[in-house]
PDB file of all heavy atoms in Angstrom:
ATOM      1  N   LYS A   1      13.549 -11.079  13.446  1.00  0.00           N
ATOM      2  CA  LYS A   1      12.937  -9.751  13.378  1.00  0.00           C
ATOM      3  C   LYS A   1      13.971  -8.697  13.738  1.00  0.00           C
ATOM      4  O   LYS A   1      14.855  -8.933  14.573  1.00  0.00           O
ATOM      5  CB  LYS A   1      11.763  -9.637  14.359  1.00  0.00           C
ATOM      6  CG  LYS A   1      10.502 -10.345  13.932  1.00  0.00           C
ATOM      7  CD  LYS A   1       9.397 -10.098  14.955  1.00  0.00           C
ATOM      8  CE  LYS A   1       8.107 -10.802  14.555  1.00  0.00           C
ATOM      9  NZ  LYS A   1       7.040 -10.571  15.560  1.00  0.00           N
ATOM     10  N   LEU A   2      13.833  -7.549  13.100  1.00  0.00           N
ATOM     11  CA  LEU A   2      14.600  -6.369  13.473  1.00  0.00           C
ATOM     12  C   LEU A   2      13.619  -5.308  13.941  1.00  0.00           C
ATOM     13  O   LEU A   2      12.638  -5.024  13.254  1.00  0.00           O
ATOM     14  CB  LEU A   2      15.401  -5.825  12.286  1.00  0.00           C
ATOM     15  CG  LEU A   2      16.461  -6.735  11.664  1.00  0.00           C
ATOM     16  CD1 LEU A   2      17.075  -6.065  10.441  1.00  0.00           C
ATOM     17  CD2 LEU A   2      17.545  -7.068  12.670  1.00  0.00           C
ATOM     18  N   GLN A   3      13.852  -4.738  15.099  1.00  0.00           N
ATOM     19  CA  GLN A   3      13.024  -3.651  15.615  1.00  0.00           C
ATOM     20  C   GLN A   3      13.863  -2.374  15.561  1.00  0.00           C
ATOM     21  O   GLN A   3      14.888  -2.265  16.235  1.00  0.00           O
ATOM     22  CB  GLN A   3      12.598  -3.923  17.059  1.00  0.00           C
ATOM     23  CG  GLN A   3      11.786  -5.201  17.225  1.00  0.00           C
ATOM     24  CD  GLN A   3      10.336  -5.034  16.850  1.00  0.00           C
ATOM     25  OE1 GLN A   3       9.899  -3.952  16.463  1.00  0.00           O
ATOM     26  NE2 GLN A   3       9.558  -6.102  16.964  1.00  0.00           N
ATOM     27  N   LEU A   4      13.420  -1.422  14.758  1.00  0.00           N
ATOM     28  CA  LEU A   4      14.162  -0.184  14.572  1.00  0.00           C
ATOM     29  C   LEU A   4      13.337   0.992  15.087  1.00  0.00           C
ATOM     30  O   LEU A   4      12.204   1.204  14.654  1.00  0.00           O
ATOM     31  CB  LEU A   4      14.495   0.030  13.094  1.00  0.00           C
ATOM     32  CG  LEU A   4      15.236  -1.133  12.401  1.00  0.00           C
ATOM     33  CD1 LEU A   4      15.432  -0.828  10.930  1.00  0.00           C
ATOM     34  CD2 LEU A   4      16.567  -1.395  13.068  1.00  0.00           C
ATOM     35  N   VAL A   5      13.898   1.743  16.024  1.00  0.00           N
ATOM     36  CA  VAL A   5      13.228   2.908  16.599  1.00  0.00           C
ATOM     37  C   VAL A   5      13.911   4.161  16.048  1.00  0.00           C
ATOM     38  O   VAL A   5      15.138   4.291  16.118  1.00  0.00           O
ATOM     39  CB  VAL A   5      13.312   2.896  18.136  1.00  0.00           C
ATOM     40  CG1 VAL A   5      12.536   4.076  18.722  1.00  0.00           C
ATOM     41  CG2 VAL A   5      12.762   1.588  18.682  1.00  0.00           C
ATOM     42  N   PHE A   6      13.123   5.083  15.503  1.00  0.00           N
ATOM     43  CA  PHE A   6      13.660   6.284  14.866  1.00  0.00           C
ATOM     44  C   PHE A   6      13.264   7.534  15.660  1.00  0.00           C
ATOM     45  O   PHE A   6      12.316   7.520  16.442  1.00  0.00           O
ATOM     46  CB  PHE A   6      13.145   6.399  13.433  1.00  0.00           C
ATOM     47  CG  PHE A   6      13.574   5.252  12.564  1.00  0.00           C
ATOM     48  CD1 PHE A   6      12.764   4.128  12.408  1.00  0.00           C
ATOM     49  CD2 PHE A   6      14.791   5.282  11.899  1.00  0.00           C
ATOM     50  CE1 PHE A   6      13.156   3.072  11.615  1.00  0.00           C
ATOM     51  CE2 PHE A   6      15.189   4.230  11.088  1.00  0.00           C
ATOM     52  CZ  PHE A   6      14.380   3.124  10.948  1.00  0.00           C
ATOM     53  N   ARG A   7      14.008   8.598  15.435  1.00  0.00           N
ATOM     54  CA  ARG A   7      13.706   9.860  16.108  1.00  0.00           C
ATOM     55  C   ARG A   7      12.440  10.508  15.548  1.00  0.00           C
ATOM     56  O   ARG A   7      11.721  11.199  16.265  1.00  0.00           O
ATOM     57  CB  ARG A   7      14.895  10.824  15.982  1.00  0.00           C
ATOM     58  CG  ARG A   7      16.096  10.457  16.845  1.00  0.00           C
ATOM     59  CD  ARG A   7      17.137  11.559  16.818  1.00  0.00           C
ATOM     60  NE  ARG A   7      17.739  11.694  15.500  1.00  0.00           N
ATOM     61  CZ  ARG A   7      18.823  11.032  15.105  1.00  0.00           C
ATOM     62  NH1 ARG A   7      19.409  10.188  15.934  1.00  0.00           N
ATOM     63  NH2 ARG A   7      19.331  11.205  13.893  1.00  0.00           N
ATOM     64  N   GLU A   8      12.178  10.284  14.273  1.00  0.00           N
ATOM     65  CA  GLU A   8      10.995  10.901  13.667  1.00  0.00           C
ATOM     66  C   GLU A   8      10.470  10.008  12.555  1.00  0.00           C
ATOM     67  O   GLU A   8      11.183   9.148  12.021  1.00  0.00           O
ATOM     68  CB  GLU A   8      11.335  12.279  13.116  1.00  0.00           C
ATOM     69  CG  GLU A   8      12.420  12.278  12.055  1.00  0.00           C
ATOM     70  CD  GLU A   8      12.819  13.677  11.634  1.00  0.00           C
ATOM     71  OE1 GLU A   8      12.703  14.603  12.460  1.00  0.00           O
ATOM     72  OE2 GLU A   8      13.236  13.836  10.471  1.00  0.00           O
ATOM     73  N   LEU A   9       9.206  10.196  12.216  1.00  0.00           N
ATOM     74  CA  LEU A   9       8.553   9.421  11.160  1.00  0.00           C
ATOM     75  C   LEU A   9       9.024   9.935   9.800  1.00  0.00           C
ATOM     76  O   LEU A   9       8.925  11.122   9.519  1.00  0.00           O
ATOM     77  CB  LEU A   9       7.042   9.583  11.289  1.00  0.00           C
ATOM     78  CG  LEU A   9       6.170   8.632  10.474  1.00  0.00           C
ATOM     79  CD1 LEU A   9       6.137   7.269  11.123  1.00  0.00           C
ATOM     80  CD2 LEU A   9       4.750   9.188  10.394  1.00  0.00           C
ATOM     81  N   PHE A  10       9.550   9.047   8.958  1.00  0.00           N
ATOM     82  CA  PHE A  10      10.004   9.477   7.634  1.00  0.00           C
ATOM     83  C   PHE A  10       9.307   8.701   6.516  1.00  0.00           C
ATOM     84  O   PHE A  10       9.548   8.944   5.345  1.00  0.00           O
ATOM     85  CB  PHE A  10      11.530   9.322   7.497  1.00  0.00           C
ATOM     86  CG  PHE A  10      12.001   7.902   7.624  1.00  0.00           C
ATOM     87  CD1 PHE A  10      12.065   7.077   6.514  1.00  0.00           C
ATOM     88  CD2 PHE A  10      12.386   7.397   8.849  1.00  0.00           C
ATOM     89  CE1 PHE A  10      12.495   5.770   6.618  1.00  0.00           C
ATOM     90  CE2 PHE A  10      12.826   6.085   8.963  1.00  0.00           C
ATOM     91  CZ  PHE A  10      12.884   5.271   7.850  1.00  0.00           C
ATOM     92  N   TRP A  11       8.422   7.757   6.880  1.00  0.00           N
ATOM     93  CA  TRP A  11       7.639   7.047   5.878  1.00  0.00           C
ATOM     94  C   TRP A  11       6.199   7.574   5.927  1.00  0.00           C
ATOM     95  O   TRP A  11       5.785   8.166   6.930  1.00  0.00           O
ATOM     96  CB  TRP A  11       7.669   5.532   6.131  1.00  0.00           C
ATOM     97  CG  TRP A  11       7.172   5.105   7.478  1.00  0.00           C
ATOM     98  CD1 TRP A  11       5.905   4.757   7.831  1.00  0.00           C
ATOM     99  CD2 TRP A  11       7.954   5.001   8.680  1.00  0.00           C
ATOM    100  NE1 TRP A  11       5.822   4.436   9.150  1.00  0.00           N
ATOM    101  CE2 TRP A  11       7.063   4.569   9.702  1.00  0.00           C
ATOM    102  CE3 TRP A  11       9.295   5.207   8.996  1.00  0.00           C
ATOM    103  CZ2 TRP A  11       7.496   4.358  11.011  1.00  0.00           C
ATOM    104  CZ3 TRP A  11       9.722   4.995  10.292  1.00  0.00           C
ATOM    105  CH2 TRP A  11       8.828   4.583  11.286  1.00  0.00           C
ATOM    106  N   PRO A  12       5.435   7.390   4.863  1.00  0.00           N
ATOM    107  CA  PRO A  12       4.060   7.899   4.851  1.00  0.00           C
ATOM    108  C   PRO A  12       3.245   7.381   6.037  1.00  0.00           C
ATOM    109  O   PRO A  12       3.229   6.182   6.301  1.00  0.00           O
ATOM    110  CB  PRO A  12       3.500   7.378   3.518  1.00  0.00           C
ATOM    111  CG  PRO A  12       4.717   7.233   2.654  1.00  0.00           C
ATOM    112  CD  PRO A  12       5.824   6.791   3.573  1.00  0.00           C
ATOM    113  N   GLU A  13       2.592   8.268   6.723  1.00  0.00           N
ATOM    114  CA  GLU A  13       1.885   7.915   7.956  1.00  0.00           C
ATOM    115  C   GLU A  13       0.787   6.889   7.721  1.00  0.00           C
ATOM    116  O   GLU A  13       0.447   6.107   8.618  1.00  0.00           O
ATOM    117  CB  GLU A  13       1.291   9.195   8.559  1.00  0.00           C
ATOM    118  CG  GLU A  13       0.845   9.052   9.995  1.00  0.00           C
ATOM    119  CD  GLU A  13       0.459  10.384  10.605  1.00  0.00           C
ATOM    120  OE1 GLU A  13       0.968  11.425  10.134  1.00  0.00           O
ATOM    121  OE2 GLU A  13      -0.362  10.382  11.540  1.00  0.00           O
ATOM    122  N   LYS A  14       0.228   6.845   6.518  1.00  0.00           N
ATOM    123  CA  LYS A  14      -0.876   5.930   6.233  1.00  0.00           C
ATOM    124  C   LYS A  14      -0.402   4.497   6.019  1.00  0.00           C
ATOM    125  O   LYS A  14      -1.214   3.575   5.950  1.00  0.00           O
ATOM    126  CB  LYS A  14      -1.627   6.393   4.981  1.00  0.00           C
ATOM    127  CG  LYS A  14      -0.774   6.372   3.712  1.00  0.00           C
ATOM    128  CD  LYS A  14      -1.576   6.804   2.496  1.00  0.00           C
ATOM    129  CE  LYS A  14      -0.714   6.753   1.226  1.00  0.00           C
ATOM    130  NZ  LYS A  14      -1.484   7.118   0.034  1.00  0.00           N
ATOM    131  N   TYR A  15       0.906   4.275   5.890  1.00  0.00           N
ATOM    132  CA  TYR A  15       1.417   2.936   5.610  1.00  0.00           C
ATOM    133  C   TYR A  15       1.527   2.125   6.901  1.00  0.00           C
ATOM    134  O   TYR A  15       2.156   2.554   7.862  1.00  0.00           O
ATOM    135  CB  TYR A  15       2.797   3.006   4.954  1.00  0.00           C
ATOM    136  CG  TYR A  15       2.788   3.457   3.513  1.00  0.00           C
ATOM    137  CD1 TYR A  15       3.983   3.643   2.820  1.00  0.00           C
ATOM    138  CD2 TYR A  15       1.600   3.691   2.833  1.00  0.00           C
ATOM    139  CE1 TYR A  15       3.987   4.057   1.495  1.00  0.00           C
ATOM    140  CE2 TYR A  15       1.596   4.102   1.522  1.00  0.00           C
ATOM    141  CZ  TYR A  15       2.787   4.288   0.855  1.00  0.00           C
ATOM    142  OH  TYR A  15       2.792   4.706  -0.449  1.00  0.00           O
ATOM    143  N   SER A  16       0.927   0.951   6.901  1.00  0.00           N
ATOM    144  CA  SER A  16       1.076   0.029   8.027  1.00  0.00           C
ATOM    145  C   SER A  16       1.926  -1.173   7.644  1.00  0.00           C
ATOM    146  O   SER A  16       2.519  -1.820   8.507  1.00  0.00           O
ATOM    147  CB  SER A  16      -0.291  -0.447   8.512  1.00  0.00           C
ATOM    148  OG  SER A  16      -0.975  -1.142   7.475  1.00  0.00           O
ATOM    149  N   LEU A  17       2.001  -1.486   6.336  1.00  0.00           N
ATOM    150  CA  LEU A  17       2.754  -2.646   5.860  1.00  0.00           C
ATOM    151  C   LEU A  17       3.484  -2.283   4.580  1.00  0.00           C
ATOM    152  O   LEU A  17       2.905  -1.678   3.685  1.00  0.00           O
ATOM    153  CB  LEU A  17       1.808  -3.829   5.601  1.00  0.00           C
ATOM    154  CG  LEU A  17       2.441  -5.127   5.095  1.00  0.00           C
ATOM    155  CD1 LEU A  17       3.292  -5.768   6.183  1.00  0.00           C
ATOM    156  CD2 LEU A  17       1.358  -6.099   4.630  1.00  0.00           C
ATOM    157  N   LEU A  18       4.750  -2.659   4.489  1.00  0.00           N
ATOM    158  CA  LEU A  18       5.571  -2.383   3.313  1.00  0.00           C
ATOM    159  C   LEU A  18       6.172  -3.701   2.826  1.00  0.00           C
ATOM    160  O   LEU A  18       6.689  -4.476   3.619  1.00  0.00           O
ATOM    161  CB  LEU A  18       6.704  -1.402   3.650  1.00  0.00           C
ATOM    162  CG  LEU A  18       6.286  -0.067   4.284  1.00  0.00           C
ATOM    163  CD1 LEU A  18       7.506   0.666   4.789  1.00  0.00           C
ATOM    164  CD2 LEU A  18       5.522   0.770   3.284  1.00  0.00           C
ATOM    165  N   MET A  19       6.121  -3.930   1.505  1.00  0.00           N
ATOM    166  CA  MET A  19       6.647  -5.178   0.942  1.00  0.00           C
ATOM    167  C   MET A  19       7.365  -4.901  -0.368  1.00  0.00           C
ATOM    168  O   MET A  19       7.005  -3.982  -1.104  1.00  0.00           O
ATOM    169  CB  MET A  19       5.508  -6.181   0.706  1.00  0.00           C
ATOM    170  CG  MET A  19       4.773  -6.592   1.950  1.00  0.00           C
ATOM    171  SD  MET A  19       3.445  -7.773   1.596  1.00  0.00           S
ATOM    172  CE  MET A  19       4.408  -9.148   0.981  1.00  0.00           C
ATOM    173  N   SER A  20       8.377  -5.724  -0.654  1.00  0.00           N
ATOM    174  CA  SER A  20       9.075  -5.635  -1.931  1.00  0.00           C
ATOM    175  C   SER A  20       9.855  -6.930  -2.132  1.00  0.00           C
ATOM    176  O   SER A  20       9.874  -7.813  -1.267  1.00  0.00           O
ATOM    177  CB  SER A  20      10.038  -4.436  -1.950  1.00  0.00           C
ATOM    178  OG  SER A  20      11.244  -4.757  -1.296  1.00  0.00           O
ATOM    179  N   LEU A  21      10.529  -7.039  -3.259  1.00  0.00           N
ATOM    180  CA  LEU A  21      11.412  -8.176  -3.512  1.00  0.00           C
ATOM    181  C   LEU A  21      12.843  -7.864  -3.074  1.00  0.00           C
ATOM    182  O   LEU A  21      13.775  -8.567  -3.452  1.00  0.00           O
ATOM    183  CB  LEU A  21      11.386  -8.548  -4.998  1.00  0.00           C
ATOM    184  CG  LEU A  21      10.130  -9.287  -5.454  1.00  0.00           C
ATOM    185  CD1 LEU A  21      10.112  -9.430  -6.968  1.00  0.00           C
ATOM    186  CD2 LEU A  21      10.044 -10.655  -4.791  1.00  0.00           C
ATOM    187  N   GLY A  22      13.021  -6.827  -2.286  1.00  0.00           N
ATOM    188  CA  GLY A  22      14.341  -6.460  -1.794  1.00  0.00           C
ATOM    189  C   GLY A  22      14.875  -7.481  -0.811  1.00  0.00           C
ATOM    190  O   GLY A  22      14.236  -8.494  -0.513  1.00  0.00           O
ATOM    191  N   PRO A  23      16.071  -7.240  -0.281  1.00  0.00           N
ATOM    192  CA  PRO A  23      16.716  -8.217   0.611  1.00  0.00           C
ATOM    193  C   PRO A  23      15.931  -8.482   1.887  1.00  0.00           C
ATOM    194  O   PRO A  23      16.008  -9.565   2.446  1.00  0.00           O
ATOM    195  CB  PRO A  23      18.075  -7.574   0.918  1.00  0.00           C
ATOM    196  CG  PRO A  23      17.901  -6.131   0.596  1.00  0.00           C
ATOM    197  CD  PRO A  23      16.925  -6.072  -0.527  1.00  0.00           C
ATOM    198  N   ILE A  24      15.194  -7.483   2.375  1.00  0.00           N
ATOM    199  CA  ILE A  24      14.296  -7.677   3.517  1.00  0.00           C
ATOM    200  C   ILE A  24      12.888  -7.413   2.993  1.00  0.00           C
ATOM    201  O   ILE A  24      12.526  -6.289   2.681  1.00  0.00           O
ATOM    202  CB  ILE A  24      14.656  -6.744   4.682  1.00  0.00           C
ATOM    203  CG1 ILE A  24      16.088  -7.027   5.148  1.00  0.00           C
ATOM    204  CG2 ILE A  24      13.688  -6.943   5.842  1.00  0.00           C
ATOM    205  CD1 ILE A  24      16.576  -6.123   6.262  1.00  0.00           C
ATOM    206  N   MET A  25      12.093  -8.477   2.924  1.00  0.00           N
ATOM    207  CA  MET A  25      10.883  -8.445   2.116  1.00  0.00           C
ATOM    208  C   MET A  25       9.708  -7.729   2.777  1.00  0.00           C
ATOM    209  O   MET A  25       8.916  -7.071   2.111  1.00  0.00           O
ATOM    210  CB  MET A  25      10.486  -9.883   1.777  1.00  0.00           C
ATOM    211  CG  MET A  25       9.451 -10.006   0.693  1.00  0.00           C
ATOM    212  SD  MET A  25       9.243 -11.739   0.221  1.00  0.00           S
ATOM    213  CE  MET A  25       8.229 -11.544  -1.243  1.00  0.00           C
ATOM    214  N   VAL A  26       9.561  -7.861   4.087  1.00  0.00           N
ATOM    215  CA  VAL A  26       8.367  -7.371   4.771  1.00  0.00           C
ATOM    216  C   VAL A  26       8.752  -6.461   5.936  1.00  0.00           C
ATOM    217  O   VAL A  26       9.588  -6.817   6.759  1.00  0.00           O
ATOM    218  CB  VAL A  26       7.514  -8.547   5.305  1.00  0.00           C
ATOM    219  CG1 VAL A  26       6.315  -8.027   6.090  1.00  0.00           C
ATOM    220  CG2 VAL A  26       7.047  -9.432   4.164  1.00  0.00           C
ATOM    221  N   TRP A  27       8.131  -5.289   5.954  1.00  0.00           N
ATOM    222  CA  TRP A  27       8.258  -4.349   7.066  1.00  0.00           C
ATOM    223  C   TRP A  27       6.863  -3.925   7.483  1.00  0.00           C
ATOM    224  O   TRP A  27       5.958  -3.842   6.657  1.00  0.00           O
ATOM    225  CB  TRP A  27       9.019  -3.087   6.644  1.00  0.00           C
ATOM    226  CG  TRP A  27      10.427  -3.288   6.174  1.00  0.00           C
ATOM    227  CD1 TRP A  27      10.826  -3.774   4.961  1.00  0.00           C
ATOM    228  CD2 TRP A  27      11.623  -2.991   6.895  1.00  0.00           C
ATOM    229  NE1 TRP A  27      12.192  -3.787   4.884  1.00  0.00           N
ATOM    230  CE2 TRP A  27      12.707  -3.316   6.047  1.00  0.00           C
ATOM    231  CE3 TRP A  27      11.875  -2.462   8.167  1.00  0.00           C
ATOM    232  CZ2 TRP A  27      14.026  -3.132   6.451  1.00  0.00           C
ATOM    233  CZ3 TRP A  27      13.181  -2.287   8.567  1.00  0.00           C
ATOM    234  CH2 TRP A  27      14.248  -2.626   7.713  1.00  0.00           C
ATOM    235  N   TRP A  28       6.685  -3.654   8.771  1.00  0.00           N
ATOM    236  CA  TRP A  28       5.443  -3.038   9.216  1.00  0.00           C
ATOM    237  C   TRP A  28       5.738  -2.079  10.361  1.00  0.00           C
ATOM    238  O   TRP A  28       6.810  -2.114  10.960  1.00  0.00           O
ATOM    239  CB  TRP A  28       4.392  -4.076   9.613  1.00  0.00           C
ATOM    240  CG  TRP A  28       4.702  -4.880  10.828  1.00  0.00           C
ATOM    241  CD1 TRP A  28       4.490  -4.528  12.135  1.00  0.00           C
ATOM    242  CD2 TRP A  28       5.257  -6.204  10.859  1.00  0.00           C
ATOM    243  NE1 TRP A  28       4.883  -5.534  12.971  1.00  0.00           N
ATOM    244  CE2 TRP A  28       5.354  -6.581  12.218  1.00  0.00           C
ATOM    245  CE3 TRP A  28       5.658  -7.105   9.872  1.00  0.00           C
ATOM    246  CZ2 TRP A  28       5.852  -7.822  12.616  1.00  0.00           C
ATOM    247  CZ3 TRP A  28       6.159  -8.327  10.268  1.00  0.00           C
ATOM    248  CH2 TRP A  28       6.252  -8.682  11.619  1.00  0.00           C
ATOM    249  N   SER A  29       4.750  -1.250  10.641  1.00  0.00           N
ATOM    250  CA  SER A  29       4.935  -0.222  11.658  1.00  0.00           C
ATOM    251  C   SER A  29       4.053  -0.506  12.865  1.00  0.00           C
ATOM    252  O   SER A  29       2.840  -0.323  12.802  1.00  0.00           O
ATOM    253  CB  SER A  29       4.611   1.167  11.098  1.00  0.00           C
ATOM    254  OG  SER A  29       4.684   2.136  12.127  1.00  0.00           O
ATOM    255  N   PRO A  30       4.639  -0.972  13.992  1.00  0.00           N
ATOM    256  CA  PRO A  30       3.842  -1.171  15.206  1.00  0.00           C
ATOM    257  C   PRO A  30       3.225   0.129  15.723  1.00  0.00           C
ATOM    258  O   PRO A  30       2.259   0.106  16.473  1.00  0.00           O
ATOM    259  CB  PRO A  30       4.857  -1.731  16.220  1.00  0.00           C
ATOM    260  CG  PRO A  30       5.973  -2.278  15.383  1.00  0.00           C
ATOM    261  CD  PRO A  30       6.039  -1.386  14.180  1.00  0.00           C
ATOM    262  N   SER A  31       3.798   1.270  15.325  1.00  0.00           N
ATOM    263  CA  SER A  31       3.287   2.555  15.793  1.00  0.00           C
ATOM    264  C   SER A  31       2.193   3.116  14.887  1.00  0.00           C
ATOM    265  O   SER A  31       1.721   4.226  15.105  1.00  0.00           O
ATOM    266  CB  SER A  31       4.435   3.564  15.909  1.00  0.00           C
ATOM    267  OG  SER A  31       5.259   3.564  14.766  1.00  0.00           O
ATOM    268  N   TYR A  32       1.781   2.333  13.875  1.00  0.00           N
ATOM    269  CA  TYR A  32       0.701   2.776  12.990  1.00  0.00           C
ATOM    270  C   TYR A  32      -0.572   3.034  13.792  1.00  0.00           C
ATOM    271  O   TYR A  32      -1.020   2.178  14.569  1.00  0.00           O
ATOM    272  CB  TYR A  32       0.441   1.719  11.913  1.00  0.00           C
ATOM    273  CG  TYR A  32      -0.790   1.966  11.076  1.00  0.00           C
ATOM    274  CD1 TYR A  32      -0.803   2.961  10.105  1.00  0.00           C
ATOM    275  CD2 TYR A  32      -1.942   1.205  11.259  1.00  0.00           C
ATOM    276  CE1 TYR A  32      -1.941   3.205   9.347  1.00  0.00           C
ATOM    277  CE2 TYR A  32      -3.071   1.428  10.504  1.00  0.00           C
ATOM    278  CZ  TYR A  32      -3.065   2.428   9.547  1.00  0.00           C
ATOM    279  OH  TYR A  32      -4.187   2.663   8.796  1.00  0.00           O
ATOM    280  N   ASP A  33      -1.159   4.198  13.623  1.00  0.00           N
ATOM    281  CA  ASP A  33      -2.389   4.593  14.310  1.00  0.00           C
ATOM    282  C   ASP A  33      -2.202   4.657  15.827  1.00  0.00           C
ATOM    283  O   ASP A  33      -3.160   4.525  16.588  1.00  0.00           O
ATOM    284  CB  ASP A  33      -3.535   3.629  13.968  1.00  0.00           C
ATOM    285  CG  ASP A  33      -4.904   4.235  14.257  1.00  0.00           C
ATOM    286  OD1 ASP A  33      -5.028   5.468  14.187  1.00  0.00           O
ATOM    287  OD2 ASP A  33      -5.832   3.469  14.578  1.00  0.00           O
ATOM    288  N   ARG A  34      -0.956   4.840  16.258  1.00  0.00           N
ATOM    289  CA  ARG A  34      -0.656   4.999  17.685  1.00  0.00           C
ATOM    290  C   ARG A  34       0.201   6.255  17.843  1.00  0.00           C
ATOM    291  O   ARG A  34       1.419   6.171  17.980  1.00  0.00           O
ATOM    292  CB  ARG A  34       0.116   3.787  18.218  1.00  0.00           C
ATOM    293  CG  ARG A  34      -0.672   2.499  18.258  1.00  0.00           C
ATOM    294  CD  ARG A  34       0.260   1.356  18.595  1.00  0.00           C
ATOM    295  NE  ARG A  34      -0.436   0.118  18.851  1.00  0.00           N
ATOM    296  CZ  ARG A  34       0.170  -1.062  18.969  1.00  0.00           C
ATOM    297  NH1 ARG A  34       1.478  -1.134  18.849  1.00  0.00           N
ATOM    298  NH2 ARG A  34      -0.514  -2.153  19.217  1.00  0.00           N
ATOM    299  N   PRO A  35      -0.390   7.413  17.822  1.00  0.00           N
ATOM    300  CA  PRO A  35       0.392   8.653  17.856  1.00  0.00           C
ATOM    301  C   PRO A  35       1.229   8.799  19.115  1.00  0.00           C
ATOM    302  O   PRO A  35       2.218   9.528  19.123  1.00  0.00           O
ATOM    303  CB  PRO A  35      -0.682   9.749  17.764  1.00  0.00           C
ATOM    304  CG  PRO A  35      -1.960   9.090  18.159  1.00  0.00           C
ATOM    305  CD  PRO A  35      -1.840   7.663  17.742  1.00  0.00           C
ATOM    306  N   GLU A  36       0.847   8.080  20.187  1.00  0.00           N
ATOM    307  CA  GLU A  36       1.606   8.195  21.427  1.00  0.00           C
ATOM    308  C   GLU A  36       2.869   7.331  21.422  1.00  0.00           C
ATOM    309  O   GLU A  36       3.711   7.445  22.315  1.00  0.00           O
ATOM    310  CB  GLU A  36       0.723   7.797  22.626  1.00  0.00           C
ATOM    311  CG  GLU A  36       0.400   6.316  22.749  1.00  0.00           C
ATOM    312  CD  GLU A  36      -0.748   5.856  21.848  1.00  0.00           C
ATOM    313  OE1 GLU A  36      -1.166   6.639  20.976  1.00  0.00           O
ATOM    314  OE2 GLU A  36      -1.211   4.714  22.024  1.00  0.00           O
ATOM    315  N   PHE A  37       3.032   6.468  20.412  1.00  0.00           N
ATOM    316  CA  PHE A  37       4.190   5.580  20.327  1.00  0.00           C
ATOM    317  C   PHE A  37       5.300   6.247  19.526  1.00  0.00           C
ATOM    318  O   PHE A  37       5.049   7.034  18.619  1.00  0.00           O
ATOM    319  CB  PHE A  37       3.800   4.260  19.645  1.00  0.00           C
ATOM    320  CG  PHE A  37       3.209   3.246  20.577  1.00  0.00           C
ATOM    321  CD1 PHE A  37       2.185   3.587  21.441  1.00  0.00           C
ATOM    322  CD2 PHE A  37       3.677   1.947  20.581  1.00  0.00           C
ATOM    323  CE1 PHE A  37       1.628   2.654  22.300  1.00  0.00           C
ATOM    324  CE2 PHE A  37       3.127   0.998  21.432  1.00  0.00           C
ATOM    325  CZ  PHE A  37       2.104   1.352  22.293  1.00  0.00           C
ATOM    326  N   PRO A  38       6.561   5.913  19.818  1.00  0.00           N
ATOM    327  CA  PRO A  38       7.663   6.420  18.982  1.00  0.00           C
ATOM    328  C   PRO A  38       7.615   5.763  17.608  1.00  0.00           C
ATOM    329  O   PRO A  38       7.039   4.679  17.447  1.00  0.00           O
ATOM    330  CB  PRO A  38       8.916   5.997  19.761  1.00  0.00           C
ATOM    331  CG  PRO A  38       8.484   4.823  20.569  1.00  0.00           C
ATOM    332  CD  PRO A  38       7.046   5.077  20.934  1.00  0.00           C
ATOM    333  N   PRO A  39       8.211   6.384  16.582  1.00  0.00           N
ATOM    334  CA  PRO A  39       8.228   5.777  15.251  1.00  0.00           C
ATOM    335  C   PRO A  39       9.063   4.481  15.249  1.00  0.00           C
ATOM    336  O   PRO A  39      10.265   4.517  15.517  1.00  0.00           O
ATOM    337  CB  PRO A  39       8.870   6.859  14.374  1.00  0.00           C
ATOM    338  CG  PRO A  39       8.735   8.121  15.146  1.00  0.00           C
ATOM    339  CD  PRO A  39       8.806   7.726  16.582  1.00  0.00           C
ATOM    340  N   VAL A  40       8.415   3.383  14.956  1.00  0.00           N
ATOM    341  CA  VAL A  40       9.081   2.068  14.975  1.00  0.00           C
ATOM    342  C   VAL A  40       8.773   1.331  13.682  1.00  0.00           C
ATOM    343  O   VAL A  40       7.641   1.376  13.192  1.00  0.00           O
ATOM    344  CB  VAL A  40       8.608   1.218  16.177  1.00  0.00           C
ATOM    345  CG1 VAL A  40       9.222  -0.183  16.116  1.00  0.00           C
ATOM    346  CG2 VAL A  40       8.958   1.887  17.491  1.00  0.00           C
ATOM    347  N   LEU A  41       9.766   0.674  13.127  1.00  0.00           N
ATOM    348  CA  LEU A  41       9.574  -0.247  12.008  1.00  0.00           C
ATOM    349  C   LEU A  41      10.071  -1.626  12.416  1.00  0.00           C
ATOM    350  O   LEU A  41      11.139  -1.763  13.017  1.00  0.00           O
ATOM    351  CB  LEU A  41      10.339   0.220  10.767  1.00  0.00           C
ATOM    352  CG  LEU A  41       9.709   1.344   9.949  1.00  0.00           C
ATOM    353  CD1 LEU A  41      10.615   1.724   8.788  1.00  0.00           C
ATOM    354  CD2 LEU A  41       8.330   0.957   9.429  1.00  0.00           C
ATOM    355  N   THR A  42       9.278  -2.635  12.086  1.00  0.00           N
ATOM    356  CA  THR A  42       9.660  -4.026  12.329  1.00  0.00           C
ATOM    357  C   THR A  42       9.933  -4.690  10.994  1.00  0.00           C
ATOM    358  O   THR A  42       9.105  -4.644  10.092  1.00  0.00           O
ATOM    359  CB  THR A  42       8.544  -4.788  13.058  1.00  0.00           C
ATOM    360  OG1 THR A  42       8.320  -4.190  14.334  1.00  0.00           O
ATOM    361  CG2 THR A  42       8.926  -6.254  13.249  1.00  0.00           C
ATOM    362  N   ALA A  43      11.106  -5.284  10.865  1.00  0.00           N
ATOM    363  CA  ALA A  43      11.444  -6.064   9.670  1.00  0.00           C
ATOM    364  C   ALA A  43      11.319  -7.541  10.020  1.00  0.00           C
ATOM    365  O   ALA A  43      11.838  -7.988  11.051  1.00  0.00           O
ATOM    366  CB  ALA A  43      12.862  -5.754   9.219  1.00  0.00           C
ATOM    367  N   TYR A  44      10.608  -8.294   9.179  1.00  0.00           N
ATOM    368  CA  TYR A  44      10.462  -9.738   9.385  1.00  0.00           C
ATOM    369  C   TYR A  44      11.168 -10.451   8.245  1.00  0.00           C
ATOM    370  O   TYR A  44      10.913 -10.175   7.073  1.00  0.00           O
ATOM    371  CB  TYR A  44       8.990 -10.131   9.429  1.00  0.00           C
ATOM    372  CG  TYR A  44       8.780 -11.614   9.566  1.00  0.00           C
ATOM    373  CD1 TYR A  44       8.985 -12.246  10.789  1.00  0.00           C
ATOM    374  CD2 TYR A  44       8.390 -12.384   8.473  1.00  0.00           C
ATOM    375  CE1 TYR A  44       8.807 -13.614  10.923  1.00  0.00           C
ATOM    376  CE2 TYR A  44       8.201 -13.753   8.600  1.00  0.00           C
ATOM    377  CZ  TYR A  44       8.407 -14.363   9.829  1.00  0.00           C
ATOM    378  OH  TYR A  44       8.232 -15.710   9.949  1.00  0.00           O
TER     379      TYR A  44
END
């Protein structure tokens, strides 16, 4: 897993899970629906 913490949200706020056939297939946002959390993306 990669845990990436960003200064600001740059992906659509409604997205909780992102998938593609790219080199890293699955991403999700632990901060989804948690406005008090910093913007975080987890790559699995």
